[in-house]
C-alpha atoms as a PDB file:
ATOM      1  CA  MET A   1      15.911   8.410 -10.567  1.00  0.00           C
ATOM      2  CA  SER A   2      14.939   5.672 -12.321  1.00  0.00           C
ATOM      3  CA  ILE A   3      14.398   1.885 -11.183  1.00  0.00           C
ATOM      4  CA  PRO A   4      18.158   0.813 -11.237  1.00  0.00           C
ATOM      5  CA  LEU A   5      19.938  -1.015 -13.735  1.00  0.00           C
ATOM      6  CA  SER A   6      20.343  -3.996 -11.963  1.00  0.00           C
ATOM      7  CA  ALA A   7      16.331  -4.511 -10.833  1.00  0.00           C
ATOM      8  CA  ILE A   8      15.011  -3.908 -14.628  1.00  0.00           C
ATOM      9  CA  GLY A   9      14.921  -7.180 -15.308  1.00  0.00           C
ATOM     10  CA  GLN A  10      13.434  -8.174 -12.229  1.00  0.00           C
ATOM     11  CA  VAL A  11      10.706  -5.632 -12.389  1.00  0.00           C
ATOM     12  CA  GLY A  12      10.164  -6.383 -16.288  1.00  0.00           C
ATOM     13  CA  GLU A  13       9.280 -10.052 -15.462  1.00  0.00           C
ATOM     14  CA  ALA A  14       7.480  -9.022 -12.192  1.00  0.00           C
ATOM     15  CA  LEU A  15       4.701  -6.726 -14.096  1.00  0.00           C
ATOM     16  CA  ARG A  16       4.499  -9.407 -17.584  1.00  0.00           C
ATOM     17  CA  GLY A  17       0.747  -9.738 -18.613  1.00  0.00           C
ATOM     18  CA  ARG A  18      -0.513  -8.185 -14.577  1.00  0.00           C
ATOM     19  CA  ARG A  19      -3.429  -6.353 -14.666  1.00  0.00           C
ATOM     20  CA  THR A  20      -3.706  -4.354 -11.802  1.00  0.00           C
ATOM     21  CA  GLU A  21      -6.862  -2.983 -10.691  1.00  0.00           C
ATOM     22  CA  LEU A  22      -5.905  -1.829  -6.885  1.00  0.00           C
ATOM     23  CA  VAL A  23      -2.377  -0.768  -5.064  1.00  0.00           C
ATOM     24  CA  VAL A  24      -2.454  -0.973  -1.356  1.00  0.00           C
ATOM     25  CA  ILE A  25       0.562   0.738   0.097  1.00  0.00           C
ATOM     26  CA  GLY A  26       1.744   0.675   3.924  1.00  0.00           C
ATOM     27  CA  GLY A  27       3.704   2.293   5.917  1.00  0.00           C
ATOM     28  CA  SER A  28       4.304   3.600   9.862  1.00  0.00           C
ATOM     29  CA  ALA A  29       7.435   5.209  11.216  1.00  0.00           C
ATOM     30  CA  GLY A  30       8.791   7.826   8.245  1.00  0.00           C
ATOM     31  CA  GLY A  31       5.652   6.397   6.084  1.00  0.00           C
ATOM     32  CA  VAL A  32       3.849  10.393   5.521  1.00  0.00           C
ATOM     33  CA  ASP A  33       7.910  11.258   3.761  1.00  0.00           C
ATOM     34  CA  ALA A  34       7.894   8.265   1.742  1.00  0.00           C
ATOM     35  CA  LEU A  35       3.812   8.981   0.119  1.00  0.00           C
ATOM     36  CA  ILE A  36       5.179  12.485  -0.377  1.00  0.00           C
ATOM     37  CA  GLY A  37       7.763  11.283  -2.577  1.00  0.00           C
ATOM     38  CA  LEU A  38       5.623   8.611  -4.347  1.00  0.00           C
ATOM     39  CA  LEU A  39       1.454  10.022  -4.666  1.00  0.00           C
ATOM     40  CA  PRO A  40       2.158  13.078  -6.675  1.00  0.00           C
ATOM     41  CA  GLU A  41       4.110  10.712  -8.981  1.00  0.00           C
ATOM     42  CA  ILE A  42       0.598   8.890  -9.855  1.00  0.00           C
ATOM     43  CA  PRO A  43      -0.542  10.082 -13.225  1.00  0.00           C
ATOM     44  CA  VAL A  44      -3.909  12.140 -13.320  1.00  0.00           C
ATOM     45  CA  ASP A  45      -5.364   9.542 -16.171  1.00  0.00           C
ATOM     46  CA  TYR A  46      -4.637   6.558 -13.822  1.00  0.00           C
ATOM     47  CA  ARG A  47      -7.385   4.268 -14.175  1.00  0.00           C
ATOM     48  CA  SER A  48      -6.284   1.787 -10.804  1.00  0.00           C
ATOM     49  CA  THR A  49      -7.440   1.941  -7.228  1.00  0.00           C
ATOM     50  CA  VAL A  50      -5.104   3.330  -4.667  1.00  0.00           C
ATOM     51  CA  VAL A  51      -5.850   2.530  -0.980  1.00  0.00           C
ATOM     52  CA  CYS A  52      -3.176   3.848   1.744  1.00  0.00           C
ATOM     53  CA  ILE A  53      -2.662   3.333   5.593  1.00  0.00           C
ATOM     54  CA  LEU A  54      -0.238   4.587   7.855  1.00  0.00           C
ATOM     55  CA  HIS A  55      -0.167   4.299  11.361  1.00  0.00           C
ATOM     56  CA  VAL A  56      -1.860   7.454  13.204  1.00  0.00           C
ATOM     57  CA  PRO A  57      -3.223   7.967  16.567  1.00  0.00           C
ATOM     58  CA  ALA A  58      -6.285   6.709  17.477  1.00  0.00           C
ATOM     59  CA  ASP A  59      -7.272   9.514  19.988  1.00  0.00           C
ATOM     60  CA  ARG A  60      -7.248  12.096  16.556  1.00  0.00           C
ATOM     61  CA  ASP A  61      -9.099  12.419  13.473  1.00  0.00           C
ATOM     62  CA  SER A  62      -6.191  11.622  10.463  1.00  0.00           C
ATOM     63  CA  ARG A  63      -5.897  14.760   8.187  1.00  0.00           C
ATOM     64  CA  LEU A  64      -4.019  12.193   5.702  1.00  0.00           C
ATOM     65  CA  ALA A  65      -6.421  12.836   3.376  1.00  0.00           C
ATOM     66  CA  GLU A  66      -6.564  16.395   3.447  1.00  0.00           C
ATOM     67  CA  LEU A  67      -2.853  16.573   3.187  1.00  0.00           C
ATOM     68  CA  PHE A  68      -2.354  14.402   0.156  1.00  0.00           C
ATOM     69  CA  ASP A  69      -5.527  16.352  -1.932  1.00  0.00           C
ATOM     70  CA  LEU A  70      -3.465  19.272  -2.383  1.00  0.00           C
ATOM     71  CA  ARG A  71      -0.349  17.384  -3.590  1.00  0.00           C
ATOM     72  CA  ALA A  72      -1.765  14.408  -6.004  1.00  0.00           C
ATOM     73  CA  ALA A  73      -3.196  14.469  -9.174  1.00  0.00           C
ATOM     74  CA  LEU A  74      -5.582  11.926  -8.426  1.00  0.00           C
ATOM     75  CA  PRO A  75      -9.132  12.771  -6.261  1.00  0.00           C
ATOM     76  CA  VAL A  76      -7.983  12.069  -2.849  1.00  0.00           C
ATOM     77  CA  ARG A  77     -10.118  11.179   0.472  1.00  0.00           C
ATOM     78  CA  GLU A  78     -10.673   8.986   3.718  1.00  0.00           C
ATOM     79  CA  ALA A  79     -12.335   5.923   3.517  1.00  0.00           C
ATOM     80  CA  ARG A  80     -15.651   5.573   4.432  1.00  0.00           C
ATOM     81  CA  ASP A  81     -17.903   1.928   6.067  1.00  0.00           C
ATOM     82  CA  LYS A  82     -19.616   0.452   3.370  1.00  0.00           C
ATOM     83  CA  GLU A  83     -18.101   2.660   0.383  1.00  0.00           C
ATOM     84  CA  GLN A  84     -17.823   1.190  -2.912  1.00  0.00           C
ATOM     85  CA  LEU A  85     -13.646   0.913  -4.489  1.00  0.00           C
ATOM     86  CA  GLN A  86     -14.039   3.821  -7.186  1.00  0.00           C
ATOM     87  CA  PRO A  87     -11.025   3.658  -9.816  1.00  0.00           C
ATOM     88  CA  GLY A  88      -8.753   6.647 -10.168  1.00  0.00           C
ATOM     89  CA  VAL A  89      -9.454   7.819  -6.359  1.00  0.00           C
ATOM     90  CA  ILE A  90      -6.632   7.048  -3.411  1.00  0.00           C
ATOM     91  CA  TYR A  91      -8.070   6.563  -0.296  1.00  0.00           C
ATOM     92  CA  PHE A  92      -6.590   6.865   2.939  1.00  0.00           C
ATOM     93  CA  ALA A  93      -7.526   4.466   5.892  1.00  0.00           C
ATOM     94  CA  GLY A  94      -8.896   6.887   9.057  1.00  0.00           C
ATOM     95  CA  SER A  95      -7.904   6.845  12.645  1.00  0.00           C
ATOM     96  CA  GLY A  96      -9.381   4.585  15.021  1.00  0.00           C
ATOM     97  CA  TYR A  97     -10.829   1.697  13.389  1.00  0.00           C
ATOM     98  CA  HIS A  98      -9.314  -1.123  11.057  1.00  0.00           C
ATOM     99  CA  LEU A  99      -9.762  -0.610   7.274  1.00  0.00           C
ATOM    100  CA  SER A 100     -10.739  -3.909   5.271  1.00  0.00           C
ATOM    101  CA  ILE A 101     -11.941  -4.658   1.801  1.00  0.00           C
ATOM    102  CA  GLU A 102     -14.996  -7.446   1.351  1.00  0.00           C
ATOM    103  CA  ARG A 103     -15.191  -9.255  -1.434  1.00  0.00           C
ATOM    104  CA  ASP A 104     -17.682  -6.761  -2.514  1.00  0.00           C
ATOM    105  CA  ARG A 105     -14.997  -4.447  -3.307  1.00  0.00           C
ATOM    106  CA  CYS A 106     -16.454  -2.142  -0.789  1.00  0.00           C
ATOM    107  CA  PHE A 107     -14.474  -0.974   2.814  1.00  0.00           C
ATOM    108  CA  SER A 108     -15.203  -2.223   5.846  1.00  0.00           C
ATOM    109  CA  LEU A 109     -14.470  -0.392   9.656  1.00  0.00           C
ATOM    110  CA  SER A 110     -14.125  -2.240  12.630  1.00  0.00           C
ATOM    111  CA  CYS A 111     -13.483  -1.774  15.852  1.00  0.00           C
ATOM    112  CA  GLU A 112     -11.585  -4.994  16.408  1.00  0.00           C
ATOM    113  CA  PRO A 113      -8.953  -5.160  19.054  1.00  0.00           C
ATOM    114  CA  PRO A 114      -5.655  -3.957  17.787  1.00  0.00           C
ATOM    115  CA  VAL A 115      -2.767  -6.051  15.193  1.00  0.00           C
ATOM    116  CA  GLN A 116       0.842  -4.953  16.174  1.00  0.00           C
ATOM    117  CA  PHE A 117      -0.638  -2.772  19.144  1.00  0.00           C
ATOM    118  CA  ALA A 118      -2.044  -0.838  15.548  1.00  0.00           C
ATOM    119  CA  ARG A 119      -5.685   0.128  14.438  1.00  0.00           C
ATOM    120  CA  PRO A 120      -6.207   0.813  11.895  1.00  0.00           C
ATOM    121  CA  ALA A 121      -3.238  -2.139  10.826  1.00  0.00           C
ATOM    122  CA  ILE A 122      -1.885  -2.937   7.572  1.00  0.00           C
ATOM    123  CA  ASP A 123      -2.413  -6.708   8.109  1.00  0.00           C
ATOM    124  CA  VAL A 124      -5.958  -6.301   8.176  1.00  0.00           C
ATOM    125  CA  LEU A 125      -6.153  -4.097   5.074  1.00  0.00           C
ATOM    126  CA  MET A 126      -3.900  -6.618   2.946  1.00  0.00           C
ATOM    127  CA  GLU A 127      -4.788  -9.428   3.863  1.00  0.00           C
ATOM    128  CA  SER A 128      -8.785  -8.490   3.498  1.00  0.00           C
ATOM    129  CA  ALA A 129      -7.864  -6.849   0.069  1.00  0.00           C
ATOM    130  CA  ALA A 130      -5.990  -9.637  -1.006  1.00  0.00           C
ATOM    131  CA  ASP A 131      -9.073 -12.117  -0.738  1.00  0.00           C
ATOM    132  CA  ALA A 132     -11.145  -9.534  -2.670  1.00  0.00           C
ATOM    133  CA  TYR A 133      -8.595  -8.830  -5.874  1.00  0.00           C
ATOM    134  CA  GLY A 134      -6.113 -11.536  -5.918  1.00  0.00           C
ATOM    135  CA  PRO A 135      -3.857 -11.722  -8.896  1.00  0.00           C
ATOM    136  CA  ALA A 136      -5.184  -8.283  -9.700  1.00  0.00           C
ATOM    137  CA  MET A 137      -3.934  -6.329  -7.072  1.00  0.00           C
ATOM    138  CA  ALA A 138      -0.451  -5.001  -6.035  1.00  0.00           C
ATOM    139  CA  GLY A 139       1.274  -4.245  -2.193  1.00  0.00           C
ATOM    140  CA  ILE A 140       3.716  -2.224  -1.359  1.00  0.00           C
ATOM    141  CA  LEU A 141       5.322  -2.246   2.091  1.00  0.00           C
ATOM    142  CA  LEU A 142       7.530   0.847   3.018  1.00  0.00           C
ATOM    143  CA  THR A 143       9.210   2.204   6.392  1.00  0.00           C
ATOM    144  CA  GLY A 144       8.018   1.088   9.833  1.00  0.00           C
ATOM    145  CA  ALA A 145       9.182   0.364  13.292  1.00  0.00           C
ATOM    146  CA  ASN A 146       7.400  -3.017  14.032  1.00  0.00           C
ATOM    147  CA  HIS A 147       6.126  -6.105  12.041  1.00  0.00           C
ATOM    148  CA  ASP A 148       3.147  -4.796  10.920  1.00  0.00           C
ATOM    149  CA  GLY A 149       2.301  -5.782   7.244  1.00  0.00           C
ATOM    150  CA  ALA A 150       4.174  -8.916   6.908  1.00  0.00           C
ATOM    151  CA  ASP A 151       1.228 -11.145   7.340  1.00  0.00           C
ATOM    152  CA  GLY A 152      -0.661  -8.964   4.399  1.00  0.00           C
ATOM    153  CA  MET A 153       2.274  -9.276   2.124  1.00  0.00           C
ATOM    154  CA  CYS A 154       2.602 -13.309   2.877  1.00  0.00           C
ATOM    155  CA  ARG A 155      -1.622 -13.375   1.810  1.00  0.00           C
ATOM    156  CA  ILE A 156      -1.106 -11.027  -1.104  1.00  0.00           C
ATOM    157  CA  ARG A 157       1.586 -13.594  -2.469  1.00  0.00           C
ATOM    158  CA  GLU A 158      -0.036 -16.418  -1.692  1.00  0.00           C
ATOM    159  CA  ARG A 159      -3.376 -14.882  -3.898  1.00  0.00           C
ATOM    160  CA  GLY A 160      -1.071 -14.320  -6.516  1.00  0.00           C
ATOM    161  CA  GLY A 161      -0.767 -10.456  -6.232  1.00  0.00           C
ATOM    162  CA  LEU A 162       2.079  -8.480  -6.900  1.00  0.00           C
ATOM    163  CA  THR A 163       4.549  -7.583  -3.624  1.00  0.00           C
ATOM    164  CA  VAL A 164       6.646  -4.625  -3.441  1.00  0.00           C
ATOM    165  CA  VAL A 165       8.910  -4.006  -0.507  1.00  0.00           C
ATOM    166  CA  GLN A 166      11.245  -1.014   0.087  1.00  0.00           C
ATOM    167  CA  ASP A 167      15.104  -1.691   1.035  1.00  0.00           C
ATOM    168  CA  PRO A 168      15.409  -1.752   4.676  1.00  0.00           C
ATOM    169  CA  ASN A 169      19.083  -0.226   3.804  1.00  0.00           C
ATOM    170  CA  GLU A 170      17.629   3.352   3.165  1.00  0.00           C
ATOM    171  CA  ALA A 171      14.322   2.975   5.293  1.00  0.00           C
ATOM    172  CA  GLN A 172      13.711   5.293   7.954  1.00  0.00           C
ATOM    173  CA  ALA A 173      12.789   2.332  10.199  1.00  0.00           C
ATOM    174  CA  SER A 174      13.811  -0.417   8.778  1.00  0.00           C
ATOM    175  CA  ALA A 175      12.187  -3.428  10.886  1.00  0.00           C
ATOM    176  CA  MET A 176       8.704  -3.661   8.987  1.00  0.00           C
ATOM    177  CA  PRO A 177      10.544  -4.195   5.645  1.00  0.00           C
ATOM    178  CA  GLU A 178      12.907  -6.588   7.010  1.00  0.00           C
ATOM    179  CA  GLU A 179      10.069  -8.807   8.644  1.00  0.00           C
ATOM    180  CA  ALA A 180       7.829  -8.885   5.432  1.00  0.00           C
ATOM    181  CA  ILE A 181      11.461  -9.906   3.563  1.00  0.00           C
ATOM    182  CA  ARG A 182      11.888 -12.679   5.989  1.00  0.00           C
ATOM    183  CA  ARG A 183       8.782 -13.813   6.152  1.00  0.00           C
ATOM    184  CA  CYS A 184       7.328 -13.631   2.390  1.00  0.00           C
ATOM    185  CA  ALA A 185      10.270 -13.211  -0.268  1.00  0.00           C
ATOM    186  CA  PRO A 186       8.595 -10.248  -2.133  1.00  0.00           C
ATOM    187  CA  ASP A 187       8.603 -10.256  -5.493  1.00  0.00           C
ATOM    188  CA  LEU A 188      10.515  -6.853  -5.316  1.00  0.00           C
ATOM    189  CA  VAL A 189      13.269  -4.807  -2.960  1.00  0.00           C
ATOM    190  CA  LEU A 190      13.186  -1.532  -4.613  1.00  0.00           C
ATOM    191  CA  PRO A 191      14.830   2.215  -2.944  1.00  0.00           C
ATOM    192  CA  LEU A 192      11.907   4.081  -2.571  1.00  0.00           C
ATOM    193  CA  SER A 193      13.020   6.219  -5.578  1.00  0.00           C
ATOM    194  CA  ALA A 194      12.696   2.958  -8.231  1.00  0.00           C
ATOM    195  CA  ILE A 195       9.187   2.251  -6.235  1.00  0.00           C
ATOM    196  CA  ARG A 196       7.792   6.497  -7.582  1.00  0.00           C
ATOM    197  CA  THR A 197       8.574   4.849 -11.220  1.00  0.00           C
ATOM    198  CA  LEU A 198       7.556   1.584  -9.988  1.00  0.00           C
ATOM    199  CA  LEU A 199       3.743   2.930  -9.197  1.00  0.00           C
ATOM    200  CA  PRO A 200       2.700   4.408 -12.233  1.00  0.00           C
ATOM    201  CA  MET A 201       3.438   0.992 -14.001  1.00  0.00           C
ATOM    202  CA  LEU A 202       0.698  -0.590 -11.882  1.00  0.00           C
ATOM    203  CA  ARG A 203      -2.472   0.117 -13.773  1.00  0.00           C
ATOM    204  CA  ASN A 204      -5.534  -1.170 -15.279  1.00  0.00           C
ATOM    205  CA  PRO A 205      -5.409  -0.962 -18.881  1.00  0.00           C
END
């Protein structure tokens, strides 16, 4: 399914003149299923960096990078401390540590207290990414059962980045997208099928 006719003009306006070097995608309950519908749509010649963060239990290793490496056209790996972000790669936040992006565009892992009961927290990643990339980034917030990600989306918007939220009416858990919509008036609120179409368009020419 493509972007709904009612949203085509809105999407075109949001993307006009925009260069997207980084896409951060966050989610919680239902997030794995949502990403299964999104990440395989990214083409092999995609030159932006994608960083995905889901709430994962701290007491077990995340296998998300392995799972999606079998499904995506781009290489997929877990983000490592002090690693420089590379274009054309999909990264996943691991378990037990907050993941942030430094101003020199390297990853940083920390054991600071949970945010919104989560570590890794979407807010931590999105806020740091917004400070590092400014208008050259896009944030996509998916289904989730708490309010993590709302502060991060607000920071992205403040720094000139593009903010996209899954339509809560079709999200498996609506609390996360609803709070982001309430707090920061995102640029786009779209069903997952439309985000699937949009994602390949968020690229670094």
